[in-house]
Amino acid sequence: MNLKDKIVVITGASSGIGKALASEFAARGANLVLAARQYVTLCEISQNIEKTYGIKCVAVQCDVTIEADCEHLIKQAIVTYGRVDVLINNAGISMRALFKDAELKVLRSLMDVNFWGTVNCTKYAMPALLASKGTVVGVSSIAGYKGLPGRTGYSASKFAMNGFLDALRVENLKTGVHVMTACPGFTASNIRNTALNKAGVSQGESSLDEQKMMSSEEVAKRIADGVANQSRTLVMTGQGKLTVLLSKFLPGLLDKLVYNKFAKEKDPLF
């Protein structure tokens, strides 16, 4: 797929991978609809992208947990451009708390944003995507293949997201709609800074060493390549590919490796 002049909707576009995706798709000539809760920040990003890349970029305030917001987002894309070619479900939050300590509202929040946010936006975009034979992208995680300690809600939401996208892909084998699941490994972004603690409050700092992680810009480039190449699934790191492989063939060993890795976090939970 040539991305030039395609209409691309990106959720969670005010920071991290979403912001990088906006720049990457704009650089390839796509016109954009950017969605996030932080509207002022989003408008600044949109204006900067238009000036830098000479494409059209629309900012829409949207909380993906609110169904009406998702409906409005897609309606705004249709009103502005007349169609939607690519929907990138990128909005997401994480958590850091052992299940025994976490309030249940934390897990509900993770499901509402990561899973239901994807479902909500995709539901309202489907008629337009069927008409354009477009692409649905879910920015998932390796946590959608292997549950991570201290991230029960995050892992559950990403497993649910992967299952939803997998079923949607099969439903659309004959419609021309392409479905891609993108699974970055650990990425240098603000998702760990905003991760919810056991009480549902942002922890404010990363518990992992960000310097050795893949950049948001590299993740965005790989996702854009995946959309252009009509890839089915993107597992972006060697560590991620090994995790998927071990989960199938040596799950007990993988349990120990994952436990040991997270036991080395700053201020470990166990």
C-alpha atoms as a PDB file:
ATOM      1  CA  MET A   1       0.000   0.000   0.000  1.00  0.00           C
ATOM      2  CA  ASN A   2       1.245   3.456  -0.909  1.00  0.00           C
ATOM      3  CA  LEU A   3       0.495   5.616   2.143  1.00  0.00           C
ATOM      4  CA  LYS A   4       0.498   8.920   0.271  1.00  0.00           C
ATOM      5  CA  ASP A   5      -2.875  10.681   0.557  1.00  0.00           C
ATOM      6  CA  LYS A   6      -4.317   7.913   2.745  1.00  0.00           C
ATOM      7  CA  ILE A   7      -6.573   9.016   5.603  1.00  0.00           C
ATOM      8  CA  VAL A   8      -5.125   7.723   8.874  1.00  0.00           C
ATOM      9  CA  VAL A   9      -6.826   7.951  12.282  1.00  0.00           C
ATOM     10  CA  ILE A  10      -4.515   7.556  15.289  1.00  0.00           C
ATOM     11  CA  THR A  11      -5.688   7.330  18.911  1.00  0.00           C
ATOM     12  CA  GLY A  12      -3.437   8.171  21.835  1.00  0.00           C
ATOM     13  CA  ALA A  13      -1.585  10.580  19.566  1.00  0.00           C
ATOM     14  CA  SER A  14      -0.509  13.199  22.122  1.00  0.00           C
ATOM     15  CA  SER A  15       2.666  11.417  23.255  1.00  0.00           C
ATOM     16  CA  GLY A  16       4.914   8.384  22.921  1.00  0.00           C
ATOM     17  CA  ILE A  17       4.261   5.915  20.115  1.00  0.00           C
ATOM     18  CA  GLY A  18       1.108   7.760  19.001  1.00  0.00           C
ATOM     19  CA  LYS A  19       2.939  11.039  18.512  1.00  0.00           C
ATOM     20  CA  ALA A  20       5.730   9.235  16.656  1.00  0.00           C
ATOM     21  CA  LEU A  21       3.159   7.469  14.456  1.00  0.00           C
ATOM     22  CA  ALA A  22       1.665  10.828  13.498  1.00  0.00           C
ATOM     23  CA  SER A  23       5.041  12.126  12.310  1.00  0.00           C
ATOM     24  CA  GLU A  24       5.899   8.878  10.515  1.00  0.00           C
ATOM     25  CA  PHE A  25       2.660   8.658   8.547  1.00  0.00           C
ATOM     26  CA  ALA A  26       2.776  12.391   7.766  1.00  0.00           C
ATOM     27  CA  ALA A  27       6.312  11.975   6.435  1.00  0.00           C
ATOM     28  CA  ARG A  28       4.942   9.327   4.061  1.00  0.00           C
ATOM     29  CA  GLY A  29       2.278  11.706   2.752  1.00  0.00           C
ATOM     30  CA  ALA A  30      -0.771  10.537   4.696  1.00  0.00           C
ATOM     31  CA  ASN A  31      -3.418  12.961   5.950  1.00  0.00           C
ATOM     32  CA  LEU A  32      -4.237  12.532   9.617  1.00  0.00           C
ATOM     33  CA  VAL A  33      -6.918  12.597  12.269  1.00  0.00           C
ATOM     34  CA  LEU A  34      -5.274  12.619  15.701  1.00  0.00           C
ATOM     35  CA  ALA A  35      -7.195  11.686  18.838  1.00  0.00           C
ATOM     36  CA  ALA A  36      -6.347  12.032  22.524  1.00  0.00           C
ATOM     37  CA  ARG A  37      -7.725  13.469  25.748  1.00  0.00           C
ATOM     38  CA  GLN A  38      -5.031  16.186  25.924  1.00  0.00           C
ATOM     39  CA  TYR A  39      -6.610  18.512  23.362  1.00  0.00           C
ATOM     40  CA  VAL A  40      -4.292  21.521  23.699  1.00  0.00           C
ATOM     41  CA  THR A  41      -1.203  19.339  23.313  1.00  0.00           C
ATOM     42  CA  LEU A  42      -2.846  17.529  20.410  1.00  0.00           C
ATOM     43  CA  CYS A  43      -3.577  20.800  18.597  1.00  0.00           C
ATOM     44  CA  GLU A  44       0.054  21.882  18.971  1.00  0.00           C
ATOM     45  CA  ILE A  45       1.239  18.551  17.539  1.00  0.00           C
ATOM     46  CA  SER A  46      -1.245  18.796  14.675  1.00  0.00           C
ATOM     47  CA  GLN A  47      -0.187  22.335  13.744  1.00  0.00           C
ATOM     48  CA  ASN A  48       3.496  21.412  13.862  1.00  0.00           C
ATOM     49  CA  ILE A  49       2.920  18.372  11.630  1.00  0.00           C
ATOM     50  CA  GLU A  50       1.037  20.443   9.043  1.00  0.00           C
ATOM     51  CA  LYS A  51       3.854  22.999   8.903  1.00  0.00           C
ATOM     52  CA  THR A  52       6.601  20.366   8.776  1.00  0.00           C
ATOM     53  CA  TYR A  53       5.135  17.919   6.274  1.00  0.00           C
ATOM     54  CA  GLY A  54       2.616  19.956   4.288  1.00  0.00           C
ATOM     55  CA  ILE A  55      -0.251  17.547   4.865  1.00  0.00           C
ATOM     56  CA  LYS A  56      -3.643  18.053   6.510  1.00  0.00           C
ATOM     57  CA  CYS A  57      -3.895  17.082  10.167  1.00  0.00           C
ATOM     58  CA  VAL A  58      -7.035  17.335  12.315  1.00  0.00           C
ATOM     59  CA  ALA A  59      -7.048  17.135  16.117  1.00  0.00           C
ATOM     60  CA  VAL A  60     -10.092  15.616  17.855  1.00  0.00           C
ATOM     61  CA  GLN A  61     -10.484  15.440  21.620  1.00  0.00           C
ATOM     62  CA  CYS A  62     -11.424  11.859  22.405  1.00  0.00           C
ATOM     63  CA  ASP A  63     -11.540   9.601  25.447  1.00  0.00           C
ATOM     64  CA  VAL A  64     -11.620   6.117  23.931  1.00  0.00           C
ATOM     65  CA  THR A  65     -13.435   4.734  26.974  1.00  0.00           C
ATOM     66  CA  ILE A  66     -16.457   6.878  26.033  1.00  0.00           C
ATOM     67  CA  GLU A  67     -18.384   5.336  23.153  1.00  0.00           C
ATOM     68  CA  ALA A  68     -19.859   8.666  22.038  1.00  0.00           C
ATOM     69  CA  ASP A  69     -16.361  10.174  21.782  1.00  0.00           C
ATOM     70  CA  CYS A  70     -15.264   7.335  19.501  1.00  0.00           C
ATOM     71  CA  GLU A  71     -18.334   7.787  17.318  1.00  0.00           C
ATOM     72  CA  HIS A  72     -17.615  11.525  17.100  1.00  0.00           C
ATOM     73  CA  LEU A  73     -13.971  10.850  16.184  1.00  0.00           C
ATOM     74  CA  ILE A  74     -14.887   8.735  13.179  1.00  0.00           C
ATOM     75  CA  LYS A  75     -17.684  11.123  12.132  1.00  0.00           C
ATOM     76  CA  GLN A  76     -15.174  13.975  12.195  1.00  0.00           C
ATOM     77  CA  ALA A  77     -12.807  11.987   9.964  1.00  0.00           C
ATOM     78  CA  ILE A  78     -15.628  11.309   7.480  1.00  0.00           C
ATOM     79  CA  VAL A  79     -16.828  14.928   7.508  1.00  0.00           C
ATOM     80  CA  THR A  80     -13.298  16.202   6.932  1.00  0.00           C
ATOM     81  CA  TYR A  81     -12.009  13.709   4.378  1.00  0.00           C
ATOM     82  CA  GLY A  82     -14.959  11.618   3.220  1.00  0.00           C
ATOM     83  CA  ARG A  83     -13.338   8.318   4.139  1.00  0.00           C
ATOM     84  CA  VAL A  84     -11.037   6.408   6.502  1.00  0.00           C
ATOM     85  CA  ASP A  85      -8.245   4.221   5.122  1.00  0.00           C
ATOM     86  CA  VAL A  86      -6.349   3.271   8.290  1.00  0.00           C
ATOM     87  CA  LEU A  87      -7.396   3.178  11.953  1.00  0.00           C
ATOM     88  CA  ILE A  88      -4.547   2.796  14.444  1.00  0.00           C
ATOM     89  CA  ASN A  89      -5.796   1.862  17.910  1.00  0.00           C
ATOM     90  CA  ASN A  90      -2.825   3.077  19.927  1.00  0.00           C
ATOM     91  CA  ALA A  91      -4.374   4.628  23.060  1.00  0.00           C
ATOM     92  CA  GLY A  92      -3.302   2.666  26.095  1.00  0.00           C
ATOM     93  CA  ILE A  93      -2.278   2.700  29.749  1.00  0.00           C
ATOM     94  CA  SER A  94      -0.286   0.313  31.920  1.00  0.00           C
ATOM     95  CA  MET A  95      -0.120  -0.573  35.597  1.00  0.00           C
ATOM     96  CA  ARG A  96       2.396  -1.661  38.211  1.00  0.00           C
ATOM     97  CA  ALA A  97       1.008  -3.453  41.238  1.00  0.00           C
ATOM     98  CA  LEU A  98       0.657  -7.020  42.402  1.00  0.00           C
ATOM     99  CA  PHE A  99      -2.878  -8.338  41.989  1.00  0.00           C
ATOM    100  CA  LYS A 100      -3.220  -8.989  45.732  1.00  0.00           C
ATOM    101  CA  ASP A 101      -2.597  -5.288  46.398  1.00  0.00           C
ATOM    102  CA  ALA A 102      -4.369  -3.642  43.455  1.00  0.00           C
ATOM    103  CA  GLU A 103      -7.844  -2.162  43.717  1.00  0.00           C
ATOM    104  CA  LEU A 104     -10.198  -3.686  41.174  1.00  0.00           C
ATOM    105  CA  LYS A 105     -10.853  -0.275  39.623  1.00  0.00           C
ATOM    106  CA  VAL A 106      -7.276  -0.388  38.323  1.00  0.00           C
ATOM    107  CA  LEU A 107      -7.937  -3.526  36.282  1.00  0.00           C
ATOM    108  CA  ARG A 108     -11.250  -2.118  35.046  1.00  0.00           C
ATOM    109  CA  SER A 109      -9.472   1.044  33.877  1.00  0.00           C
ATOM    110  CA  LEU A 110      -6.935  -1.007  31.930  1.00  0.00           C
ATOM    111  CA  MET A 111      -9.691  -2.983  30.220  1.00  0.00           C
ATOM    112  CA  ASP A 112     -11.714   0.148  29.474  1.00  0.00           C
ATOM    113  CA  VAL A 113      -8.819   1.919  27.737  1.00  0.00           C
ATOM    114  CA  ASN A 114      -6.801  -0.869  26.134  1.00  0.00           C
ATOM    115  CA  PHE A 115      -9.533  -3.323  25.148  1.00  0.00           C
ATOM    116  CA  TRP A 116     -12.798  -1.387  25.009  1.00  0.00           C
ATOM    117  CA  GLY A 117     -11.075   1.648  23.517  1.00  0.00           C
ATOM    118  CA  THR A 118      -9.981  -0.517  20.609  1.00  0.00           C
ATOM    119  CA  VAL A 119     -13.429  -2.092  20.271  1.00  0.00           C
ATOM    120  CA  ASN A 120     -15.242   1.259  20.447  1.00  0.00           C
ATOM    121  CA  CYS A 121     -13.176   2.987  17.758  1.00  0.00           C
ATOM    122  CA  THR A 122     -13.107  -0.033  15.485  1.00  0.00           C
ATOM    123  CA  LYS A 123     -16.868  -0.506  15.709  1.00  0.00           C
ATOM    124  CA  TYR A 124     -17.620   2.993  14.435  1.00  0.00           C
ATOM    125  CA  ALA A 125     -14.855   2.892  11.821  1.00  0.00           C
ATOM    126  CA  MET A 126     -15.887  -0.443  10.281  1.00  0.00           C
ATOM    127  CA  PRO A 127     -18.399   0.878   7.718  1.00  0.00           C
ATOM    128  CA  ALA A 128     -15.816   3.327   6.375  1.00  0.00           C
ATOM    129  CA  LEU A 129     -13.050   0.726   6.426  1.00  0.00           C
ATOM    130  CA  LEU A 130     -15.240  -1.782   4.579  1.00  0.00           C
ATOM    131  CA  ALA A 131     -15.947   0.878   1.946  1.00  0.00           C
ATOM    132  CA  SER A 132     -12.252   1.731   1.508  1.00  0.00           C
ATOM    133  CA  LYS A 133     -10.971  -1.836   2.033  1.00  0.00           C
ATOM    134  CA  GLY A 134      -8.830  -0.247   4.686  1.00  0.00           C
ATOM    135  CA  THR A 135      -6.690  -1.347   7.593  1.00  0.00           C
ATOM    136  CA  VAL A 136      -7.303  -1.795  11.326  1.00  0.00           C
ATOM    137  CA  VAL A 137      -4.182  -1.729  13.507  1.00  0.00           C
ATOM    138  CA  GLY A 138      -4.019  -2.606  17.179  1.00  0.00           C
ATOM    139  CA  VAL A 139      -0.909  -1.514  19.047  1.00  0.00           C
ATOM    140  CA  SER A 140      -0.753  -4.402  21.479  1.00  0.00           C
ATOM    141  CA  SER A 141       2.198  -5.804  23.420  1.00  0.00           C
ATOM    142  CA  ILE A 142       4.243  -8.889  24.139  1.00  0.00           C
ATOM    143  CA  ALA A 143       2.113  -8.874  27.309  1.00  0.00           C
ATOM    144  CA  GLY A 144      -0.659 -10.055  24.978  1.00  0.00           C
ATOM    145  CA  TYR A 145       1.284 -13.306  24.569  1.00  0.00           C
ATOM    146  CA  LYS A 146       2.803 -13.699  28.038  1.00  0.00           C
ATOM    147  CA  GLY A 147       1.338 -12.453  31.296  1.00  0.00           C
ATOM    148  CA  LEU A 148       3.724 -10.142  33.154  1.00  0.00           C
ATOM    149  CA  PRO A 149       3.964  -9.960  36.959  1.00  0.00           C
ATOM    150  CA  GLY A 150       2.689  -6.711  38.418  1.00  0.00           C
ATOM    151  CA  ARG A 151       0.727  -6.135  35.203  1.00  0.00           C
ATOM    152  CA  THR A 152      -2.258  -8.469  35.534  1.00  0.00           C
ATOM    153  CA  GLY A 153      -4.719  -5.900  34.198  1.00  0.00           C
ATOM    154  CA  TYR A 154      -2.401  -4.814  31.411  1.00  0.00           C
ATOM    155  CA  SER A 155      -1.710  -8.398  30.337  1.00  0.00           C
ATOM    156  CA  ALA A 156      -5.408  -9.297  30.459  1.00  0.00           C
ATOM    157  CA  SER A 157      -6.347  -6.264  28.352  1.00  0.00           C
ATOM    158  CA  LYS A 158      -3.709  -7.050  25.729  1.00  0.00           C
ATOM    159  CA  PHE A 159      -4.665 -10.753  25.573  1.00  0.00           C
ATOM    160  CA  ALA A 160      -8.270  -9.597  25.029  1.00  0.00           C
ATOM    161  CA  MET A 161      -7.155  -7.098  22.388  1.00  0.00           C
ATOM    162  CA  ASN A 162      -5.186  -9.780  20.527  1.00  0.00           C
ATOM    163  CA  GLY A 163      -8.139 -12.144  20.579  1.00  0.00           C
ATOM    164  CA  PHE A 164     -10.500  -9.466  19.304  1.00  0.00           C
ATOM    165  CA  LEU A 165      -8.187  -8.530  16.428  1.00  0.00           C
ATOM    166  CA  ASP A 166      -7.564 -12.169  15.551  1.00  0.00           C
ATOM    167  CA  ALA A 167     -11.288 -12.894  15.300  1.00  0.00           C
ATOM    168  CA  LEU A 168     -11.869  -9.674  13.353  1.00  0.00           C
ATOM    169  CA  ARG A 169      -9.166 -10.684  10.881  1.00  0.00           C
ATOM    170  CA  VAL A 170     -10.848 -14.013  10.182  1.00  0.00           C
ATOM    171  CA  GLU A 171     -14.259 -12.350   9.798  1.00  0.00           C
ATOM    172  CA  ASN A 172     -12.791 -10.077   7.136  1.00  0.00           C
ATOM    173  CA  LEU A 173     -10.771 -12.558   5.089  1.00  0.00           C
ATOM    174  CA  LYS A 174     -13.077 -11.969   2.118  1.00  0.00           C
ATOM    175  CA  THR A 175     -14.017  -8.279   2.610  1.00  0.00           C
ATOM    176  CA  GLY A 176     -10.680  -6.656   1.769  1.00  0.00           C
ATOM    177  CA  VAL A 177     -10.257  -5.171   5.261  1.00  0.00           C
ATOM    178  CA  HIS A 178      -6.741  -5.781   6.567  1.00  0.00           C
ATOM    179  CA  VAL A 179      -6.176  -6.358  10.303  1.00  0.00           C
ATOM    180  CA  MET A 180      -2.703  -6.027  11.827  1.00  0.00           C
ATOM    181  CA  THR A 181      -1.612  -6.669  15.407  1.00  0.00           C
ATOM    182  CA  ALA A 182       1.544  -4.767  16.344  1.00  0.00           C
ATOM    183  CA  CYS A 183       3.403  -5.981  19.422  1.00  0.00           C
ATOM    184  CA  PRO A 184       6.308  -3.761  20.453  1.00  0.00           C
ATOM    185  CA  GLY A 185       8.673  -4.954  23.136  1.00  0.00           C
ATOM    186  CA  PHE A 186       9.700  -2.564  25.877  1.00  0.00           C
ATOM    187  CA  THR A 187       9.610   0.887  24.282  1.00  0.00           C
ATOM    188  CA  ALA A 188      11.083   4.153  25.510  1.00  0.00           C
ATOM    189  CA  SER A 189       7.874   6.152  26.004  1.00  0.00           C
ATOM    190  CA  ASN A 190       5.897   7.631  28.864  1.00  0.00           C
ATOM    191  CA  ILE A 191       3.622   4.590  29.339  1.00  0.00           C
ATOM    192  CA  ARG A 192       5.493   3.437  32.448  1.00  0.00           C
ATOM    193  CA  ASN A 193       5.531   6.958  33.888  1.00  0.00           C
ATOM    194  CA  THR A 194       1.742   7.108  33.617  1.00  0.00           C
ATOM    195  CA  ALA A 195       1.246   3.474  34.705  1.00  0.00           C
ATOM    196  CA  LEU A 196      -1.332   3.126  37.464  1.00  0.00           C
ATOM    197  CA  ASN A 197      -0.236   2.007  40.913  1.00  0.00           C
ATOM    198  CA  LYS A 198      -2.308  -0.184  43.233  1.00  0.00           C
ATOM    199  CA  ALA A 199      -4.630   2.738  44.042  1.00  0.00           C
ATOM    200  CA  GLY A 200      -5.129   3.792  40.416  1.00  0.00           C
ATOM    201  CA  VAL A 201      -2.778   6.794  40.547  1.00  0.00           C
ATOM    202  CA  SER A 202      -0.013   7.384  37.979  1.00  0.00           C
ATOM    203  CA  GLN A 203       3.286   6.217  39.445  1.00  0.00           C
ATOM    204  CA  GLY A 204       5.162   9.156  37.887  1.00  0.00           C
ATOM    205  CA  GLU A 205       8.392   7.421  36.917  1.00  0.00           C
ATOM    206  CA  SER A 206       9.573   4.353  35.031  1.00  0.00           C
ATOM    207  CA  SER A 207      10.577   1.278  36.985  1.00  0.00           C
ATOM    208  CA  LEU A 208      12.752   0.017  34.125  1.00  0.00           C
ATOM    209  CA  ASP A 209      15.889   1.257  32.379  1.00  0.00           C
ATOM    210  CA  GLU A 210      14.530   3.180  29.363  1.00  0.00           C
ATOM    211  CA  GLN A 211      17.922   3.788  27.722  1.00  0.00           C
ATOM    212  CA  LYS A 212      18.235   0.267  26.320  1.00  0.00           C
ATOM    213  CA  MET A 213      14.708   0.166  24.895  1.00  0.00           C
ATOM    214  CA  MET A 214      13.517   0.636  21.320  1.00  0.00           C
ATOM    215  CA  SER A 215      12.543   4.227  20.583  1.00  0.00           C
ATOM    216  CA  SER A 216       8.961   5.275  19.849  1.00  0.00           C
ATOM    217  CA  GLU A 217      10.175   6.496  16.453  1.00  0.00           C
ATOM    218  CA  GLU A 218      11.535   3.064  15.530  1.00  0.00           C
ATOM    219  CA  VAL A 219       8.269   1.419  16.605  1.00  0.00           C
ATOM    220  CA  ALA A 220       6.317   3.914  14.488  1.00  0.00           C
ATOM    221  CA  LYS A 221       8.501   3.215  11.444  1.00  0.00           C
ATOM    222  CA  ARG A 222       7.931  -0.526  11.762  1.00  0.00           C
ATOM    223  CA  ILE A 223       4.181  -0.096  12.145  1.00  0.00           C
ATOM    224  CA  ALA A 224       4.021   2.144   9.070  1.00  0.00           C
ATOM    225  CA  ASP A 225       6.045  -0.435   7.128  1.00  0.00           C
ATOM    226  CA  GLY A 226       3.659  -3.130   8.356  1.00  0.00           C
ATOM    227  CA  VAL A 227       0.626  -1.200   7.138  1.00  0.00           C
ATOM    228  CA  ALA A 228       2.280  -0.563   3.770  1.00  0.00           C
ATOM    229  CA  ASN A 229       3.254  -4.242   3.454  1.00  0.00           C
ATOM    230  CA  GLN A 230      -0.115  -5.535   4.754  1.00  0.00           C
ATOM    231  CA  SER A 231       1.600  -7.514   7.509  1.00  0.00           C
ATOM    232  CA  ARG A 232      -0.518  -9.742   9.733  1.00  0.00           C
ATOM    233  CA  THR A 233       1.442  -9.550  12.990  1.00  0.00           C
ATOM    234  CA  LEU A 234       4.486  -7.531  14.030  1.00  0.00           C
ATOM    235  CA  VAL A 235       6.613  -8.784  16.908  1.00  0.00           C
ATOM    236  CA  MET A 236       9.342  -6.194  16.909  1.00  0.00           C
ATOM    237  CA  THR A 237      12.229  -7.376  19.070  1.00  0.00           C
ATOM    238  CA  GLY A 238      14.345 -10.476  19.402  1.00  0.00           C
ATOM    239  CA  GLN A 239      13.322 -10.689  23.045  1.00  0.00           C
ATOM    240  CA  GLY A 240       9.672 -10.534  22.001  1.00  0.00           C
ATOM    241  CA  LYS A 241      10.062 -13.231  19.358  1.00  0.00           C
ATOM    242  CA  LEU A 242      11.836 -15.458  21.872  1.00  0.00           C
ATOM    243  CA  THR A 243       9.041 -14.863  24.376  1.00  0.00           C
ATOM    244  CA  VAL A 244       6.384 -15.931  21.853  1.00  0.00           C
ATOM    245  CA  LEU A 245       8.422 -19.019  20.945  1.00  0.00           C
ATOM    246  CA  LEU A 246       9.088 -20.072  24.557  1.00  0.00           C
ATOM    247  CA  SER A 247       5.447 -19.531  25.502  1.00  0.00           C
ATOM    248  CA  LYS A 248       4.536 -22.264  23.019  1.00  0.00           C
ATOM    249  CA  PHE A 249       7.298 -24.777  23.662  1.00  0.00           C
ATOM    250  CA  LEU A 250       8.883 -24.083  27.079  1.00  0.00           C
ATOM    251  CA  PRO A 251       6.297 -22.186  29.126  1.00  0.00           C
ATOM    252  CA  GLY A 252       7.710 -23.262  32.508  1.00  0.00           C
ATOM    253  CA  LEU A 253      11.158 -21.929  31.628  1.00  0.00           C
ATOM    254  CA  LEU A 254       9.628 -18.694  30.391  1.00  0.00           C
ATOM    255  CA  ASP A 255       7.795 -18.244  33.712  1.00  0.00           C
ATOM    256  CA  LYS A 256      11.142 -18.313  35.534  1.00  0.00           C
ATOM    257  CA  LEU A 257      12.863 -15.983  33.060  1.00  0.00           C
ATOM    258  CA  VAL A 258      10.061 -13.418  33.276  1.00  0.00           C
ATOM    259  CA  TYR A 259       9.989 -13.615  37.076  1.00  0.00           C
ATOM    260  CA  ASN A 260      13.730 -13.051  37.293  1.00  0.00           C
ATOM    261  CA  LYS A 261      13.606 -10.095  34.909  1.00  0.00           C
ATOM    262  CA  PHE A 262      10.914  -8.256  36.832  1.00  0.00           C
ATOM    263  CA  ALA A 263      12.528  -9.063  40.164  1.00  0.00           C
ATOM    264  CA  LYS A 264      15.355  -6.740  39.006  1.00  0.00           C
ATOM    265  CA  GLU A 265      13.107  -3.682  38.591  1.00  0.00           C
ATOM    266  CA  LYS A 266      13.792  -0.508  40.500  1.00  0.00           C
ATOM    267  CA  ASP A 267      11.894  -0.909  43.782  1.00  0.00           C
ATOM    268  CA  PRO A 268      10.812  -4.490  42.924  1.00  0.00           C
ATOM    269  CA  LEU A 269       7.305  -5.630  43.817  1.00  0.00           C
ATOM    270  CA  PHE A 270       8.501  -9.076  44.974  1.00  0.00           C
END
